Amino acid sequence: MTDLPHDKIRLIGKYRLVPKKIGNKLYWVREFSNRPDHPYATHRAIRRCSTLELVFSFYDLCVAKMTYFTENSLDYTPCKMNYRTGEIEYCEEWDMELLSQNATGILIDLRNLATITDINIFREMCSWLEQQKENYGNRRMLRAVG
């Protein structure tokens, strides 16, 4: 683990992953006492992929979702819910459960995002998000002018 950045080490800790040799590759695996181990990623993938890509992979999000949110990463802030207070808190990427669209505050739960399996529905969602961001920007400009 000495070759991994701090955020990836924290991600491994969050998911309680342990290294395990499978075949000729080193995988990061979650071990369960009552069911088979779940391999999350190879060590090579943990080293090479961005933290955002790893989190999206752990949530089983497809490449299209990963690409959209990577390309638009400046428009979104990672968040999680504080289970004690029910409040949404900003957090580091490795710890996120939600994304908040900066302009509008719209929250996107990664678990719900994983349920979208039709690419056309995902594209509609992206268009809607872009429209909401644009509408918010237009409202702010009108207030500034008026």
C-alpha atoms as a PDB file:
ATOM      1  CA  MET A   1       0.000   0.000   0.000  1.00  0.00           C
ATOM      2  CA  THR A   2       3.006   2.290   0.202  1.00  0.00           C
ATOM      3  CA  ASP A   3       2.587   3.056  -3.506  1.00  0.00           C
ATOM      4  CA  LEU A   4      -0.970   4.388  -3.045  1.00  0.00           C
ATOM      5  CA  PRO A   5      -2.018   7.959  -2.256  1.00  0.00           C
ATOM      6  CA  HIS A   6      -3.719   8.702   1.050  1.00  0.00           C
ATOM      7  CA  ASP A   7      -7.227   9.060  -0.439  1.00  0.00           C
ATOM      8  CA  LYS A   8      -7.074   5.587  -1.990  1.00  0.00           C
ATOM      9  CA  ILE A   9      -5.828   4.082   1.268  1.00  0.00           C
ATOM     10  CA  ARG A  10      -8.826   5.686   2.991  1.00  0.00           C
ATOM     11  CA  LEU A  11     -11.145   4.311   0.279  1.00  0.00           C
ATOM     12  CA  ILE A  12      -9.726   0.819   0.874  1.00  0.00           C
ATOM     13  CA  GLY A  13     -10.319   1.306   4.607  1.00  0.00           C
ATOM     14  CA  LYS A  14     -13.884   2.510   4.126  1.00  0.00           C
ATOM     15  CA  TYR A  15     -14.816  -0.621   2.192  1.00  0.00           C
ATOM     16  CA  ARG A  16     -12.702  -2.835   4.517  1.00  0.00           C
ATOM     17  CA  LEU A  17     -10.784  -4.296   1.604  1.00  0.00           C
ATOM     18  CA  VAL A  18      -7.900  -6.684   2.008  1.00  0.00           C
ATOM     19  CA  PRO A  19      -5.288  -7.698  -0.573  1.00  0.00           C
ATOM     20  CA  LYS A  20      -5.703 -11.188  -1.967  1.00  0.00           C
ATOM     21  CA  LYS A  21      -3.864 -12.997  -4.737  1.00  0.00           C
ATOM     22  CA  ILE A  22      -6.316 -14.444  -7.281  1.00  0.00           C
ATOM     23  CA  GLY A  23      -4.607 -16.246 -10.111  1.00  0.00           C
ATOM     24  CA  ASN A  24      -1.544 -14.171 -10.889  1.00  0.00           C
ATOM     25  CA  LYS A  25      -3.072 -10.832  -9.891  1.00  0.00           C
ATOM     26  CA  LEU A  26      -3.359  -8.954  -6.631  1.00  0.00           C
ATOM     27  CA  TYR A  27      -6.954  -7.929  -5.939  1.00  0.00           C
ATOM     28  CA  TRP A  28      -8.529  -5.786  -3.240  1.00  0.00           C
ATOM     29  CA  VAL A  29     -11.289  -7.951  -1.821  1.00  0.00           C
ATOM     30  CA  ARG A  30     -13.984  -7.628   0.812  1.00  0.00           C
ATOM     31  CA  GLU A  31     -14.145 -10.776   2.872  1.00  0.00           C
ATOM     32  CA  PHE A  32     -17.412 -11.959   4.375  1.00  0.00           C
ATOM     33  CA  SER A  33     -17.860 -14.703   6.932  1.00  0.00           C
ATOM     34  CA  ASN A  34     -21.155 -15.942   5.498  1.00  0.00           C
ATOM     35  CA  ARG A  35     -20.717 -15.514   1.732  1.00  0.00           C
ATOM     36  CA  PRO A  36     -18.025 -15.552  -0.950  1.00  0.00           C
ATOM     37  CA  ASP A  37     -15.378 -12.843  -1.081  1.00  0.00           C
ATOM     38  CA  HIS A  38     -16.177  -9.856  -3.274  1.00  0.00           C
ATOM     39  CA  PRO A  39     -13.224  -8.598  -5.342  1.00  0.00           C
ATOM     40  CA  TYR A  40     -13.533  -4.859  -5.973  1.00  0.00           C
ATOM     41  CA  ALA A  41     -10.463  -4.085  -8.088  1.00  0.00           C
ATOM     42  CA  THR A  42      -6.990  -5.199  -8.969  1.00  0.00           C
ATOM     43  CA  HIS A  43      -4.111  -3.427  -7.309  1.00  0.00           C
ATOM     44  CA  ARG A  44      -3.155  -2.097 -10.742  1.00  0.00           C
ATOM     45  CA  ALA A  45      -6.625  -0.538 -11.147  1.00  0.00           C
ATOM     46  CA  ILE A  46      -6.448   0.995  -7.665  1.00  0.00           C
ATOM     47  CA  ARG A  47      -3.104   2.562  -8.618  1.00  0.00           C
ATOM     48  CA  ARG A  48      -4.095   3.785 -12.088  1.00  0.00           C
ATOM     49  CA  CYS A  49      -7.734   4.850 -11.789  1.00  0.00           C
ATOM     50  CA  SER A  50      -8.821   8.149 -10.297  1.00  0.00           C
ATOM     51  CA  THR A  51     -10.581   8.102  -6.950  1.00  0.00           C
ATOM     52  CA  LEU A  52     -13.822   9.140  -8.682  1.00  0.00           C
ATOM     53  CA  GLU A  53     -13.512   6.224 -11.108  1.00  0.00           C
ATOM     54  CA  LEU A  54     -12.933   3.800  -8.244  1.00  0.00           C
ATOM     55  CA  VAL A  55     -15.925   5.041  -6.256  1.00  0.00           C
ATOM     56  CA  PHE A  56     -18.118   4.821  -9.353  1.00  0.00           C
ATOM     57  CA  SER A  57     -16.789   1.326  -9.995  1.00  0.00           C
ATOM     58  CA  PHE A  58     -17.583   0.272  -6.411  1.00  0.00           C
ATOM     59  CA  TYR A  59     -21.161   1.481  -6.964  1.00  0.00           C
ATOM     60  CA  ASP A  60     -21.232  -0.509 -10.249  1.00  0.00           C
ATOM     61  CA  LEU A  61     -21.771   2.622 -12.325  1.00  0.00           C
ATOM     62  CA  CYS A  62     -21.195   2.304 -16.059  1.00  0.00           C
ATOM     63  CA  VAL A  63     -18.574   4.053 -18.164  1.00  0.00           C
ATOM     64  CA  ALA A  64     -21.111   6.575 -19.513  1.00  0.00           C
ATOM     65  CA  LYS A  65     -21.912   7.782 -15.985  1.00  0.00           C
ATOM     66  CA  MET A  66     -18.242   7.829 -15.048  1.00  0.00           C
ATOM     67  CA  THR A  67     -17.407   9.813 -18.181  1.00  0.00           C
ATOM     68  CA  TYR A  68     -20.185  12.371 -17.717  1.00  0.00           C
ATOM     69  CA  PHE A  69     -19.354  13.121 -14.091  1.00  0.00           C
ATOM     70  CA  THR A  70     -15.603  13.101 -14.720  1.00  0.00           C
ATOM     71  CA  GLU A  71     -15.987  15.604 -17.575  1.00  0.00           C
ATOM     72  CA  ASN A  72     -18.306  17.736 -15.449  1.00  0.00           C
ATOM     73  CA  SER A  73     -16.524  17.254 -12.122  1.00  0.00           C
ATOM     74  CA  LEU A  74     -16.194  21.004 -11.515  1.00  0.00           C
ATOM     75  CA  ASP A  75     -19.996  21.274 -11.542  1.00  0.00           C
ATOM     76  CA  TYR A  76     -20.451  18.752  -8.717  1.00  0.00           C
ATOM     77  CA  THR A  77     -19.297  18.397  -5.130  1.00  0.00           C
ATOM     78  CA  PRO A  78     -19.037  15.043  -3.344  1.00  0.00           C
ATOM     79  CA  CYS A  79     -21.309  14.665  -0.313  1.00  0.00           C
ATOM     80  CA  LYS A  80     -22.543  12.143   2.191  1.00  0.00           C
ATOM     81  CA  MET A  81     -25.381  12.033   4.674  1.00  0.00           C
ATOM     82  CA  ASN A  82     -24.602  12.302   8.359  1.00  0.00           C
ATOM     83  CA  TYR A  83     -26.651   9.448   9.784  1.00  0.00           C
ATOM     84  CA  ARG A  84     -26.842  11.108  13.202  1.00  0.00           C
ATOM     85  CA  THR A  85     -28.302  14.414  12.046  1.00  0.00           C
ATOM     86  CA  GLY A  86     -29.730  13.526   8.639  1.00  0.00           C
ATOM     87  CA  GLU A  87     -27.825  16.500   7.200  1.00  0.00           C
ATOM     88  CA  ILE A  88     -25.945  16.380   3.918  1.00  0.00           C
ATOM     89  CA  GLU A  89     -22.253  17.183   4.371  1.00  0.00           C
ATOM     90  CA  TYR A  90     -19.534  17.882   1.876  1.00  0.00           C
ATOM     91  CA  CYS A  91     -16.783  15.286   1.940  1.00  0.00           C
ATOM     92  CA  GLU A  92     -13.771  14.043   0.039  1.00  0.00           C
ATOM     93  CA  GLU A  93     -14.275  11.975  -3.130  1.00  0.00           C
ATOM     94  CA  TRP A  94     -13.215   8.699  -1.515  1.00  0.00           C
ATOM     95  CA  ASP A  95     -16.019   9.034   1.058  1.00  0.00           C
ATOM     96  CA  MET A  96     -18.891  10.221  -1.151  1.00  0.00           C
ATOM     97  CA  GLU A  97     -22.365   8.749  -1.379  1.00  0.00           C
ATOM     98  CA  LEU A  98     -23.954  11.656  -3.241  1.00  0.00           C
ATOM     99  CA  LEU A  99     -23.054  14.371  -5.709  1.00  0.00           C
ATOM    100  CA  SER A 100     -24.428  17.877  -5.317  1.00  0.00           C
ATOM    101  CA  GLN A 101     -24.771  20.028  -8.421  1.00  0.00           C
ATOM    102  CA  ASN A 102     -23.019  23.224  -7.359  1.00  0.00           C
ATOM    103  CA  ALA A 103     -25.286  25.663  -9.179  1.00  0.00           C
ATOM    104  CA  THR A 104     -28.613  24.213  -8.053  1.00  0.00           C
ATOM    105  CA  GLY A 105     -27.978  22.010  -5.033  1.00  0.00           C
ATOM    106  CA  ILE A 106     -29.629  19.059  -6.784  1.00  0.00           C
ATOM    107  CA  LEU A 107     -28.479  15.865  -5.067  1.00  0.00           C
ATOM    108  CA  ILE A 108     -27.668  12.700  -6.972  1.00  0.00           C
ATOM    109  CA  ASP A 109     -27.513   9.555  -4.854  1.00  0.00           C
ATOM    110  CA  LEU A 110     -24.979   7.116  -6.300  1.00  0.00           C
ATOM    111  CA  ARG A 111     -27.185   4.171  -5.317  1.00  0.00           C
ATOM    112  CA  ASN A 112     -30.088   5.621  -7.313  1.00  0.00           C
ATOM    113  CA  LEU A 113     -27.769   6.457 -10.195  1.00  0.00           C
ATOM    114  CA  ALA A 114     -26.798   2.773 -10.293  1.00  0.00           C
ATOM    115  CA  THR A 115     -30.431   1.794 -10.905  1.00  0.00           C
ATOM    116  CA  ILE A 116     -30.513   3.627 -14.246  1.00  0.00           C
ATOM    117  CA  THR A 117     -29.701   0.930 -16.782  1.00  0.00           C
ATOM    118  CA  ASP A 118     -31.101   2.507 -19.951  1.00  0.00           C
ATOM    119  CA  ILE A 119     -28.594   4.850 -21.636  1.00  0.00           C
ATOM    120  CA  ASN A 120     -31.420   6.971 -23.043  1.00  0.00           C
ATOM    121  CA  ILE A 121     -32.833   7.587 -19.578  1.00  0.00           C
ATOM    122  CA  PHE A 122     -29.352   8.537 -18.374  1.00  0.00           C
ATOM    123  CA  ARG A 123     -28.938  10.947 -21.303  1.00  0.00           C
ATOM    124  CA  GLU A 124     -32.323  12.495 -20.465  1.00  0.00           C
ATOM    125  CA  MET A 125     -31.153  12.925 -16.884  1.00  0.00           C
ATOM    126  CA  CYS A 126     -27.945  14.621 -18.058  1.00  0.00           C
ATOM    127  CA  SER A 127     -29.924  16.960 -20.304  1.00  0.00           C
ATOM    128  CA  TRP A 128     -32.267  17.779 -17.439  1.00  0.00           C
ATOM    129  CA  LEU A 129     -29.319  18.486 -15.114  1.00  0.00           C
ATOM    130  CA  GLU A 130     -27.723  20.754 -17.726  1.00  0.00           C
ATOM    131  CA  GLN A 131     -31.040  22.570 -18.199  1.00  0.00           C
ATOM    132  CA  GLN A 132     -31.444  23.087 -14.461  1.00  0.00           C
ATOM    133  CA  LYS A 133     -27.927  24.511 -14.253  1.00  0.00           C
ATOM    134  CA  GLU A 134     -28.617  26.827 -17.195  1.00  0.00           C
ATOM    135  CA  ASN A 135     -31.964  27.962 -15.754  1.00  0.00           C
ATOM    136  CA  TYR A 136     -30.310  28.712 -12.423  1.00  0.00           C
ATOM    137  CA  GLY A 137     -27.606  30.748 -14.175  1.00  0.00           C
ATOM    138  CA  ASN A 138     -30.235  32.698 -16.130  1.00  0.00           C
ATOM    139  CA  ARG A 139     -32.192  33.480 -12.936  1.00  0.00           C
ATOM    140  CA  ARG A 140     -29.021  34.764 -11.262  1.00  0.00           C
ATOM    141  CA  MET A 141     -28.246  36.992 -14.261  1.00  0.00           C
ATOM    142  CA  LEU A 142     -31.768  38.449 -14.216  1.00  0.00           C
ATOM    143  CA  ARG A 143     -31.477  39.259 -10.494  1.00  0.00           C
ATOM    144  CA  ALA A 144     -28.107  40.920 -11.069  1.00  0.00           C
ATOM    145  CA  VAL A 145     -29.483  43.057 -13.907  1.00  0.00           C
ATOM    146  CA  GLY A 146     -32.774  43.901 -12.193  1.00  0.00           C
END
